[in-house]
Protein backbone atom coordinates (compact mmCIF):
# COMPACT_ATOMS: atom_id res chain seq x y z
CA ILE A 1 6.30 -15.00 -20.10
CA ARG A 2 8.76 -17.90 -19.83
CA ARG A 3 10.05 -17.17 -23.33
CA PHE A 4 10.01 -13.36 -23.42
CA GLY A 5 10.03 -12.31 -19.76
CA TYR A 6 7.86 -10.42 -17.27
CA ARG A 7 7.97 -7.12 -19.18
CA ALA A 8 6.58 -8.68 -22.36
CA GLY A 9 3.82 -10.32 -20.30
CA VAL A 10 2.79 -7.00 -18.77
CA LEU A 11 2.80 -5.29 -22.18
CA THR A 12 0.72 -8.08 -23.71
CA GLY A 13 -1.80 -7.78 -20.90
CA LEU A 14 -2.07 -3.99 -21.20
CA VAL A 15 -2.50 -4.09 -24.99
CA LEU A 16 -5.16 -6.83 -24.84
CA TYR A 17 -6.99 -4.95 -22.08
CA GLY A 18 -6.91 -1.71 -24.11
CA ILE A 19 -8.13 -3.40 -27.29
CA GLY A 20 -10.94 -5.16 -25.43
CA ALA A 21 -12.09 -1.87 -23.89
CA LEU A 22 -12.03 -0.05 -27.25
CA LEU A 23 -14.12 -2.84 -28.79
CA PHE A 24 -17.02 -1.46 -26.75
CA ILE A 25 -17.16 1.48 -29.19
CA PRO A 26 -18.31 -0.63 -32.18
CA GLY A 27 -20.17 -2.84 -29.70
CA GLY A 28 -22.31 0.13 -28.66
CA ARG A 29 -23.24 0.78 -32.29
CA ILE A 30 -23.91 -2.86 -33.12
CA GLY A 31 -25.91 -3.42 -29.94
CA SER A 32 -25.05 -7.12 -29.81
CA PHE A 33 -24.88 -8.87 -26.43
CA GLU A 34 -22.56 -11.53 -27.90
CA PHE A 35 -20.17 -8.82 -29.11
CA PHE A 36 -20.09 -7.28 -25.63
CA LEU A 37 -19.28 -10.72 -24.20
CA PHE A 38 -16.45 -11.09 -26.72
CA SER A 39 -15.10 -7.66 -25.72
CA LEU A 40 -15.18 -8.66 -22.05
CA PHE A 41 -13.43 -11.91 -22.95
CA VAL A 42 -10.57 -9.94 -24.58
CA ILE A 43 -10.36 -7.75 -21.46
CA GLY A 44 -10.28 -10.89 -19.32
CA CYS A 45 -7.40 -12.29 -21.39
CA GLY A 46 -5.52 -9.03 -20.88
CA LEU A 47 -6.12 -9.07 -17.13
CA THR A 48 -4.97 -12.68 -16.92
CA CYS A 49 -1.68 -11.94 -18.71
CA LEU A 50 -1.23 -8.78 -16.65
CA GLU A 51 -1.67 -10.45 -13.27
CA THR A 52 0.32 -13.54 -14.25
CA ALA A 53 3.28 -11.31 -15.12
CA ALA A 54 2.93 -8.35 -12.75
CA ASN A 55 2.33 -10.23 -9.48
CA PRO A 56 5.50 -12.38 -9.53
CA TYR A 57 7.44 -9.42 -10.98
CA VAL A 58 6.60 -7.40 -7.88
CA THR A 59 7.69 -10.28 -5.65
CA VAL A 60 11.15 -10.52 -7.27
CA LEU A 61 11.85 -6.75 -7.41
CA GLY A 62 13.72 -6.63 -4.12
CA GLU A 63 14.62 -8.80 -1.17
CA PRO A 64 12.68 -12.11 -1.03
CA GLU A 65 11.76 -11.48 2.63
CA GLY A 66 9.71 -8.42 1.63
CA SER A 67 7.81 -9.96 -1.30
CA GLU A 68 4.49 -10.28 0.58
CA ARG A 69 4.74 -6.69 1.81
CA ARG A 70 5.47 -5.31 -1.66
CA LEU A 71 2.61 -7.21 -3.28
CA ASN A 72 0.15 -6.09 -0.60
CA LEU A 73 1.17 -2.47 -1.11
CA ALA A 74 0.92 -2.75 -4.90
CA GLN A 75 -2.54 -4.33 -4.69
CA SER A 76 -3.80 -1.79 -2.15
CA PHE A 77 -4.96 0.36 -5.04
CA ASN A 78 -7.38 -2.36 -6.15
CA GLY A 79 -9.65 -1.14 -3.37
CA LEU A 80 -9.51 2.42 -4.71
CA GLY A 81 -10.46 1.14 -8.15
CA TRP A 82 -13.39 -0.83 -6.74
CA ILE A 83 -14.66 2.35 -5.07
CA CYS A 84 -14.24 4.64 -8.08
CA GLY A 85 -15.22 2.17 -10.82
CA PRO A 86 -18.90 1.70 -9.90
CA LEU A 87 -19.29 5.45 -9.25
CA VAL A 88 -17.87 6.45 -12.63
CA GLY A 89 -19.70 3.64 -14.42
CA GLY A 90 -22.97 4.57 -12.73
CA PHE A 91 -22.55 8.21 -13.77
CA PHE A 92 -22.17 7.33 -17.45
CA LEU A 93 -24.90 4.66 -17.40
CA PHE A 94 -27.57 6.61 -15.52
CA ALA A 95 -26.69 10.31 -15.73
CA GLY A 96 -25.35 9.95 -19.26
CA GLY A 97 -28.43 8.32 -20.75
CA GLY A 98 -27.21 4.72 -20.64
CA ASP A 99 -23.93 5.30 -22.49
CA VAL A 100 -21.86 2.12 -22.13
CA SER A 101 -19.16 2.88 -24.70
CA THR A 102 -17.72 6.13 -23.28
CA PRO A 103 -16.25 4.84 -19.99
CA TYR A 104 -14.70 1.84 -21.75
CA ALA A 105 -13.29 4.07 -24.51
CA ILE A 106 -11.67 6.31 -21.89
CA ILE A 107 -10.28 3.31 -20.00
CA GLY A 108 -8.98 1.77 -23.24
CA CYS A 109 -7.12 4.96 -24.20
CA ILE A 110 -5.61 5.30 -20.73
CA VAL A 111 -4.48 1.67 -20.63
CA LEU A 112 -2.88 1.88 -24.09
CA ALA A 113 -1.10 5.07 -23.02
CA VAL A 114 0.23 3.22 -19.96
CA ALA A 115 1.37 0.38 -22.27
CA LEU A 116 3.28 2.93 -24.41
CA ILE A 117 4.96 4.39 -21.32
CA PHE A 118 5.78 0.90 -20.06
CA PHE A 119 7.28 0.04 -23.46
CA ARG A 120 9.58 3.08 -23.44
CA VAL A 121 10.71 2.81 -19.81
CA LYS A 122 13.71 0.58 -19.24
CA LEU A 123 12.79 -1.84 -16.46
CA PRO A 124 15.04 -4.66 -15.24
CA GLU A 125 14.26 -8.12 -16.57
CA ILE A 126 14.78 -10.50 -13.69
CA GLU A 127 15.34 -14.15 -14.45
CA ASP A 128 14.32 -16.98 -12.16
CA SER A 129 17.76 -17.97 -10.95
CA PRO A 130 17.61 -20.05 -7.79
CA THR A 131 20.72 -21.26 -6.06
CA SER A 132 22.19 -24.55 -7.21
CA HIS A 133 20.73 -26.29 -4.12
CA GLU A 134 17.25 -24.89 -4.81
CA LYS A 135 17.55 -25.80 -8.46
CA THR A 136 18.50 -29.37 -7.62
CA GLU A 137 15.60 -29.70 -5.17
CA THR A 138 13.15 -28.17 -7.64
CA ASP A 139 14.28 -30.39 -10.50
CA LYS A 140 14.13 -33.41 -8.25
CA LYS A 141 10.64 -32.81 -6.84
CA GLY A 142 8.92 -30.84 -9.56
CA LEU A 143 6.48 -27.98 -9.05
CA TRP A 144 3.50 -30.11 -8.04
CA LYS A 145 5.42 -31.85 -5.27
CA GLU A 146 6.16 -28.55 -3.52
CA ALA A 147 3.57 -28.58 -0.71
CA THR A 148 3.72 -24.84 0.00
CA PHE A 149 2.73 -24.22 -3.61
CA THR A 150 0.01 -26.87 -3.99
CA PHE A 151 -1.65 -26.00 -0.66
CA GLY A 152 -1.26 -22.32 -1.56
CA LEU A 153 -2.98 -22.95 -4.89
CA ILE A 154 -5.92 -24.57 -3.09
CA SER A 155 -6.02 -21.72 -0.56
CA LEU A 156 -6.06 -19.09 -3.30
CA PHE A 157 -8.88 -20.93 -5.07
CA LEU A 158 -10.87 -20.92 -1.82
CA TYR A 159 -10.08 -17.27 -1.07
CA VAL A 160 -11.38 -16.06 -4.43
CA ALA A 161 -14.44 -18.28 -3.94
CA ALA A 162 -15.08 -16.70 -0.53
CA GLN A 163 -14.48 -13.14 -1.71
CA THR A 164 -16.73 -13.49 -4.74
CA GLY A 165 -19.46 -15.14 -2.70
CA ILE A 166 -19.39 -12.39 -0.07
CA ASN A 167 -19.43 -9.61 -2.68
CA SER A 168 -22.22 -11.30 -4.64
CA PHE A 169 -24.56 -11.76 -1.68
CA PHE A 170 -23.67 -8.71 0.40
CA ILE A 171 -26.75 -6.74 -0.69
CA ASN A 172 -29.00 -9.81 -0.42
CA TYR A 173 -27.88 -10.36 3.17
CA ALA A 174 -28.30 -6.68 4.02
CA THR A 175 -31.87 -6.55 2.73
CA GLU A 176 -33.06 -9.96 3.94
CA ALA A 177 -31.23 -10.48 7.22
CA ALA A 178 -30.36 -6.95 8.38
CA GLY A 179 -33.34 -5.00 7.05
CA VAL A 180 -31.19 -2.48 5.18
CA SER A 181 -32.40 -1.02 1.87
CA ALA A 182 -30.67 -2.14 -1.31
CA HIS A 183 -29.51 1.42 -2.09
CA GLU A 184 -28.01 1.93 1.38
CA ALA A 185 -26.36 -1.48 1.22
CA SER A 186 -24.77 -0.67 -2.15
CA VAL A 187 -23.31 2.56 -0.73
CA TRP A 188 -21.95 0.68 2.29
CA LEU A 189 -20.43 -1.94 -0.02
CA SER A 190 -18.70 0.69 -2.18
CA PHE A 191 -17.37 2.97 0.55
CA GLY A 192 -17.49 0.89 3.74
CA GLY A 193 -16.51 -2.57 2.51
CA MET A 194 -14.06 -1.52 -0.19
CA GLY A 195 -12.69 1.28 1.97
CA LEU A 196 -11.88 -1.23 4.71
CA PHE A 197 -10.43 -3.55 2.05
CA MET A 198 -8.03 -0.87 0.81
CA ALA A 199 -7.09 0.20 4.34
CA GLY A 200 -6.47 -3.43 5.29
CA ARG A 201 -4.01 -3.99 2.47
CA MET A 202 -2.09 -0.82 3.23
CA GLY A 203 -2.09 -1.60 6.95
CA GLY A 204 -1.12 -5.20 6.29
CA SER A 205 1.85 -4.09 4.19
CA TRP A 206 3.01 -1.92 7.09
CA ILE A 207 2.45 -4.60 9.75
CA MET A 208 4.43 -7.16 7.75
CA ARG A 209 7.54 -5.07 8.31
CA ALA A 210 7.52 -6.33 11.90
CA ILE A 211 5.46 -9.55 11.81
CA ARG A 212 5.96 -12.46 9.42
CA ALA A 213 3.46 -12.61 6.58
CA GLU A 214 2.16 -16.08 7.45
CA LYS A 215 1.35 -14.94 11.00
CA VAL A 216 -0.53 -11.90 9.72
CA LEU A 217 -2.40 -14.17 7.31
CA THR A 218 -3.30 -16.55 10.16
CA GLY A 219 -4.76 -13.73 12.23
CA CYS A 220 -6.73 -12.31 9.32
CA ALA A 221 -8.10 -15.74 8.31
CA LEU A 222 -9.23 -16.44 11.87
CA GLY A 223 -10.82 -12.98 12.03
CA ALA A 224 -12.65 -13.61 8.76
CA ALA A 225 -13.84 -17.02 10.00
CA ALA A 226 -15.12 -15.42 13.23
CA SER A 227 -16.91 -12.74 11.19
CA MET A 228 -18.61 -15.37 9.04
CA THR A 229 -19.66 -17.27 12.14
CA ALA A 230 -21.37 -14.14 13.46
CA VAL A 231 -22.97 -13.55 10.05
CA ILE A 232 -24.53 -17.04 10.21
CA LEU A 233 -25.50 -17.17 13.88
CA LEU A 234 -26.46 -13.52 14.44
CA PRO A 235 -28.41 -12.43 11.35
CA GLY A 236 -29.38 -8.79 11.73
CA LYS A 237 -27.42 -5.62 12.43
CA VAL A 238 -24.67 -7.46 14.33
CA GLY A 239 -24.20 -9.95 11.52
CA TRP A 240 -24.15 -7.17 8.94
CA TYR A 241 -21.46 -5.22 10.82
CA CYS A 242 -19.41 -8.41 11.04
CA LEU A 243 -19.88 -8.88 7.29
CA LEU A 244 -18.39 -5.40 6.77
CA LEU A 245 -15.54 -6.25 9.15
CA CYS A 246 -14.73 -9.29 7.02
CA PHE A 247 -13.59 -7.00 4.19
CA LEU A 248 -10.83 -5.74 6.49
CA CYS A 249 -9.82 -9.28 7.46
CA GLU A 250 -9.78 -10.68 3.92
CA SER A 251 -7.89 -7.73 2.43
CA VAL A 252 -4.36 -9.14 2.69
CA MET A 253 -5.22 -12.69 1.71
CA PHE A 254 -4.83 -12.74 -2.07
CA PRO A 255 -1.40 -11.06 -2.34
CA THR A 256 -0.07 -12.79 0.77
CA ILE A 257 -1.14 -16.30 -0.28
CA PHE A 258 0.17 -15.60 -3.78
CA ALA A 259 3.60 -14.57 -2.52
CA LEU A 260 3.84 -17.39 0.05
CA ALA A 261 2.92 -19.98 -2.61
CA LEU A 262 5.75 -18.69 -4.84
CA ARG A 263 8.36 -18.58 -2.08
CA LYS A 264 9.81 -22.09 -2.64
CA VAL A 265 9.12 -22.78 -6.32
CA GLY A 266 12.64 -21.88 -7.44
CA GLY A 267 12.97 -21.65 -11.22
CA HIS A 268 9.28 -22.47 -11.77
CA LYS A 269 8.04 -19.04 -10.66
CA LYS A 270 6.60 -17.96 -14.02
CA ARG A 271 4.73 -21.22 -14.59
CA ALA A 272 3.59 -21.36 -10.96
CA SER A 273 2.21 -17.83 -11.26
CA SER A 274 0.03 -18.82 -14.21
CA PHE A 275 -1.51 -21.69 -12.23
CA LEU A 276 -2.17 -19.39 -9.28
CA ILE A 277 -3.99 -16.90 -11.51
CA MET A 278 -6.05 -19.77 -12.97
CA SER A 279 -7.25 -20.52 -9.44
CA ILE A 280 -9.54 -17.47 -9.57
CA VAL A 281 -12.06 -19.80 -11.21
CA GLY A 282 -13.07 -20.45 -7.61
CA GLY A 283 -15.12 -17.28 -7.93
CA ALA A 284 -17.42 -19.10 -10.34
CA VAL A 285 -18.18 -21.86 -7.83
CA ALA A 286 -19.06 -20.17 -4.52
CA PRO A 287 -22.02 -18.03 -5.67
CA ILE A 288 -23.76 -21.10 -7.11
CA LEU A 289 -23.32 -23.08 -3.89
CA MET A 290 -24.32 -20.13 -1.71
CA GLY A 291 -27.40 -19.47 -3.82
CA TYR A 292 -28.45 -23.10 -3.59
CA ILE A 293 -28.08 -23.11 0.20
CA ALA A 294 -29.89 -19.77 0.50
CA ASP A 295 -32.83 -21.12 -1.54
CA SER A 296 -32.95 -24.27 0.56
CA SER A 297 -32.49 -22.64 3.96
CA SER A 298 -31.69 -18.95 4.50
CA MET A 299 -29.40 -16.27 3.15
CA ALA A 300 -27.37 -16.27 6.36
CA THR A 301 -26.79 -20.04 6.16
CA GLY A 302 -25.28 -19.63 2.68
CA PHE A 303 -22.25 -17.92 4.24
CA ILE A 304 -21.10 -21.29 5.55
CA ILE A 305 -19.24 -21.58 2.21
CA PRO A 306 -16.94 -18.57 2.87
CA LEU A 307 -16.55 -19.75 6.48
CA SER A 308 -15.24 -23.13 5.30
CA CYS A 309 -12.86 -21.40 2.89
CA PHE A 310 -11.39 -19.15 5.58
CA VAL A 311 -10.86 -22.12 7.93
CA VAL A 312 -8.73 -23.90 5.30
CA ILE A 313 -6.76 -20.70 4.66
CA ALA A 314 -6.12 -20.34 8.40
CA ILE A 315 -4.77 -23.91 8.51
CA TYR A 316 -2.45 -23.19 5.57
CA ALA A 317 -1.12 -20.02 7.17
CA ALA A 318 -0.75 -21.50 10.67
CA ARG A 319 1.08 -24.59 9.38
CA TYR A 320 3.11 -22.79 6.70
CA GLY A 321 6.40 -23.00 8.60
CA ASN A 322 5.97 -26.72 9.25
CA ILE A 323 4.92 -27.35 5.63
CA GLN A 324 8.02 -25.47 4.47
CA LYS A 325 10.30 -27.65 6.62
CA THR A 326 8.74 -31.07 5.99
CA ASN A 327 7.16 -30.41 2.57
CA LYS A 328 4.05 -32.21 3.84
CA ILE A 329 0.57 -30.76 4.32
């Protein structure tokens, strides 16, 4: 992306994603688990390139003050995908006799068609061109000495950890602590949780027109922390409703933290974006810790991990202005 620009990064991501999805066609015939894993790995590479290029591209397409709002609006459709994806996948897997290849083949063709359209459309290539003062400060300090970025990187790591942990154990909590059936819980997760998630991002984008992004993030992080506290202390229907409410609170966090972390990186935006995307590895950590705590104590107690994550995010958001001025956490 640094060498060829945002557009080339998006195209690379789309092509890799499309190829990985189409690999499920021979994978279905071979019937090899390792081949399916390889196909998913190619898709993952495509998604990584796509997000590393597309997210900062959205932030620079317009006034810097509106970057958080634009990214929230763009990522609002993630929620729609999370609602439709399991429904379509379930139809092909269960109603279609366990056909795995067909949905991936369709997705692969659509993504490659989007890549072709993206290749033919002339989009502006925006260079990272900070002012001379910003460039001097950036060169002097370096990327890793910019506190808003480093603390933002930690916050994004913790957010993805919290989100993945909540999604992973939502049905477990519903069945064990709230007495809800697994089928009913899965429906609530798809339509209730993800519906609130999508609505939260759209609403957050609108609210940020009047309220600064870091203040919105502070309120949402505190709301998510309060929801997790209720989940731990009030296991049952009340805790389960608060768990659903958390999807609304956490909705704006990823795009807002991402944009805030990039706000002061100057000419390092493309490299900084790649590190921020790498922070999603936090999603591999939280479920293990939550599962260990749940086995040792209770399912409700395991949600202390997301609670801790949201507290740190709230501190980052609440102190963002001070960090920006003093460059100290």
